[in-house]
Amino acid sequence: MQTLSVQIQDSYMQQFMNFVNNSHSKITISKDKNLEVDPYFYERQKELHQIRADVKNGKMEMLSEEQYEKEIEEFFSELEK
C-alpha cells in the first residue's frame, strides 16, 4: 500500500468522494493530524532535519546559551548606535 497527500479543489470534492466511495475496498482516507495543526509540517520537519545534519557534520555552528546571549547583546548594541 502507498500513502499520498492529495489536494482537491472545493468544486471537485463531491465527485472525488463519490469515486472514493465507489472504490472503498481499495482506498482508505484518513486525516493527517500533523497537517491539521500545521499545513507546512513536513516542509518544516525536513528543514529542521537538514539543520540538525548541518550542525552534526560541521557545516553550521550551534551556539551555546552563553554565546547566544553575547551575540544578541552585541547585535542590539550595534542597532542602538
C-alpha atoms as a PDB file:
ATOM      1  CA  MET A   1       0.000   0.000   0.000  1.00  0.00           C
ATOM      2  CA  GLN A   2       1.169   3.551  -0.703  1.00  0.00           C
ATOM      3  CA  THR A   3       0.283   6.792   1.071  1.00  0.00           C
ATOM      4  CA  LEU A   4      -0.251  10.045  -0.812  1.00  0.00           C
ATOM      5  CA  SER A   5      -1.230  13.553   0.100  1.00  0.00           C
ATOM      6  CA  VAL A   6      -3.977  14.831  -2.191  1.00  0.00           C
ATOM      7  CA  GLN A   7      -5.235  18.372  -2.640  1.00  0.00           C
ATOM      8  CA  ILE A   8      -8.716  18.608  -4.116  1.00  0.00           C
ATOM      9  CA  GLN A   9     -10.422  21.691  -5.448  1.00  0.00           C
ATOM     10  CA  ASP A  10     -13.561  22.504  -3.495  1.00  0.00           C
ATOM     11  CA  SER A  11     -15.695  22.287  -6.619  1.00  0.00           C
ATOM     12  CA  TYR A  12     -14.466  18.730  -7.306  1.00  0.00           C
ATOM     13  CA  MET A  13     -14.744  17.397  -3.757  1.00  0.00           C
ATOM     14  CA  GLN A  14     -18.106  15.678  -4.151  1.00  0.00           C
ATOM     15  CA  GLN A  15     -17.030  13.904  -7.348  1.00  0.00           C
ATOM     16  CA  PHE A  16     -13.817  12.801  -5.682  1.00  0.00           C
ATOM     17  CA  MET A  17     -15.693  11.456  -2.656  1.00  0.00           C
ATOM     18  CA  ASN A  18     -18.062   9.572  -4.987  1.00  0.00           C
ATOM     19  CA  PHE A  19     -15.042   7.978  -6.655  1.00  0.00           C
ATOM     20  CA  VAL A  20     -13.558   7.041  -3.286  1.00  0.00           C
ATOM     21  CA  ASN A  21     -16.859   5.606  -2.078  1.00  0.00           C
ATOM     22  CA  ASN A  22     -17.114   3.505  -5.233  1.00  0.00           C
ATOM     23  CA  SER A  23     -13.545   2.275  -4.673  1.00  0.00           C
ATOM     24  CA  HIS A  24     -13.790   1.872  -0.892  1.00  0.00           C
ATOM     25  CA  SER A  25     -12.266  -1.615  -0.904  1.00  0.00           C
ATOM     26  CA  LYS A  26      -9.047  -0.226  -2.430  1.00  0.00           C
ATOM     27  CA  ILE A  27      -8.820   3.277  -0.937  1.00  0.00           C
ATOM     28  CA  THR A  28      -8.649   4.368   2.687  1.00  0.00           C
ATOM     29  CA  ILE A  29      -8.894   8.037   3.630  1.00  0.00           C
ATOM     30  CA  SER A  30      -7.566   9.381   6.901  1.00  0.00           C
ATOM     31  CA  LYS A  31      -6.717  12.886   8.018  1.00  0.00           C
ATOM     32  CA  ASP A  32      -3.115  13.679   8.878  1.00  0.00           C
ATOM     33  CA  LYS A  33      -3.131  15.231  12.361  1.00  0.00           C
ATOM     34  CA  ASN A  34       0.186  16.974  11.694  1.00  0.00           C
ATOM     35  CA  LEU A  35      -1.227  18.780   8.669  1.00  0.00           C
ATOM     36  CA  GLU A  36      -4.382  19.770  10.538  1.00  0.00           C
ATOM     37  CA  VAL A  37      -2.275  21.629  13.113  1.00  0.00           C
ATOM     38  CA  ASP A  38       0.373  22.954  10.713  1.00  0.00           C
ATOM     39  CA  PRO A  39      -0.169  22.831   6.934  1.00  0.00           C
ATOM     40  CA  TYR A  40       3.602  23.143   6.438  1.00  0.00           C
ATOM     41  CA  PHE A  41       4.551  20.467   8.996  1.00  0.00           C
ATOM     42  CA  TYR A  42       6.505  18.224   6.638  1.00  0.00           C
ATOM     43  CA  GLU A  43       8.364  21.097   4.986  1.00  0.00           C
ATOM     44  CA  ARG A  44       9.372  22.413   8.416  1.00  0.00           C
ATOM     45  CA  GLN A  45      10.336  18.933   9.566  1.00  0.00           C
ATOM     46  CA  LYS A  46      12.562  18.457   6.517  1.00  0.00           C
ATOM     47  CA  GLU A  47      14.229  21.838   7.124  1.00  0.00           C
ATOM     48  CA  LEU A  48      14.829  21.031  10.803  1.00  0.00           C
ATOM     49  CA  HIS A  49      16.380  17.668   9.920  1.00  0.00           C
ATOM     50  CA  GLN A  50      18.677  19.432   7.444  1.00  0.00           C
ATOM     51  CA  ILE A  51      19.725  21.977  10.081  1.00  0.00           C
ATOM     52  CA  ARG A  52      20.467  19.182  12.560  1.00  0.00           C
ATOM     53  CA  ALA A  53      22.511  17.331   9.931  1.00  0.00           C
ATOM     54  CA  ASP A  54      24.444  20.532   9.121  1.00  0.00           C
ATOM     55  CA  VAL A  55      25.230  21.035  12.815  1.00  0.00           C
ATOM     56  CA  LYS A  56      26.366  17.416  13.210  1.00  0.00           C
ATOM     57  CA  ASN A  57      28.636  17.457  10.161  1.00  0.00           C
ATOM     58  CA  GLY A  58      30.096  20.884  10.964  1.00  0.00           C
ATOM     59  CA  LYS A  59      28.522  22.911   8.162  1.00  0.00           C
ATOM     60  CA  MET A  60      26.644  25.043  10.722  1.00  0.00           C
ATOM     61  CA  GLU A  61      27.804  26.146  14.154  1.00  0.00           C
ATOM     62  CA  MET A  62      25.493  25.693  17.115  1.00  0.00           C
ATOM     63  CA  LEU A  63      25.983  28.327  19.779  1.00  0.00           C
ATOM     64  CA  SER A  64      25.896  27.666  23.497  1.00  0.00           C
ATOM     65  CA  GLU A  65      23.385  29.625  25.522  1.00  0.00           C
ATOM     66  CA  GLU A  66      26.168  31.923  26.729  1.00  0.00           C
ATOM     67  CA  GLN A  67      27.432  32.501  23.178  1.00  0.00           C
ATOM     68  CA  TYR A  68      23.903  33.204  22.005  1.00  0.00           C
ATOM     69  CA  GLU A  69      23.278  35.755  24.775  1.00  0.00           C
ATOM     70  CA  LYS A  70      26.565  37.508  23.964  1.00  0.00           C
ATOM     71  CA  GLU A  71      25.785  37.616  20.219  1.00  0.00           C
ATOM     72  CA  ILE A  72      22.288  39.019  20.867  1.00  0.00           C
ATOM     73  CA  GLU A  73      23.624  41.690  23.227  1.00  0.00           C
ATOM     74  CA  GLU A  74      26.228  42.733  20.652  1.00  0.00           C
ATOM     75  CA  PHE A  75      23.581  42.784  17.932  1.00  0.00           C
ATOM     76  CA  PHE A  76      21.272  45.075  19.907  1.00  0.00           C
ATOM     77  CA  SER A  77      24.191  47.289  20.906  1.00  0.00           C
ATOM     78  CA  GLU A  78      25.042  47.756  17.228  1.00  0.00           C
ATOM     79  CA  LEU A  79      21.398  48.595  16.461  1.00  0.00           C
ATOM     80  CA  GLU A  80      21.345  51.309  19.115  1.00  0.00           C
ATOM     81  CA  LYS A  81      24.371  53.075  17.588  1.00  0.00           C
END
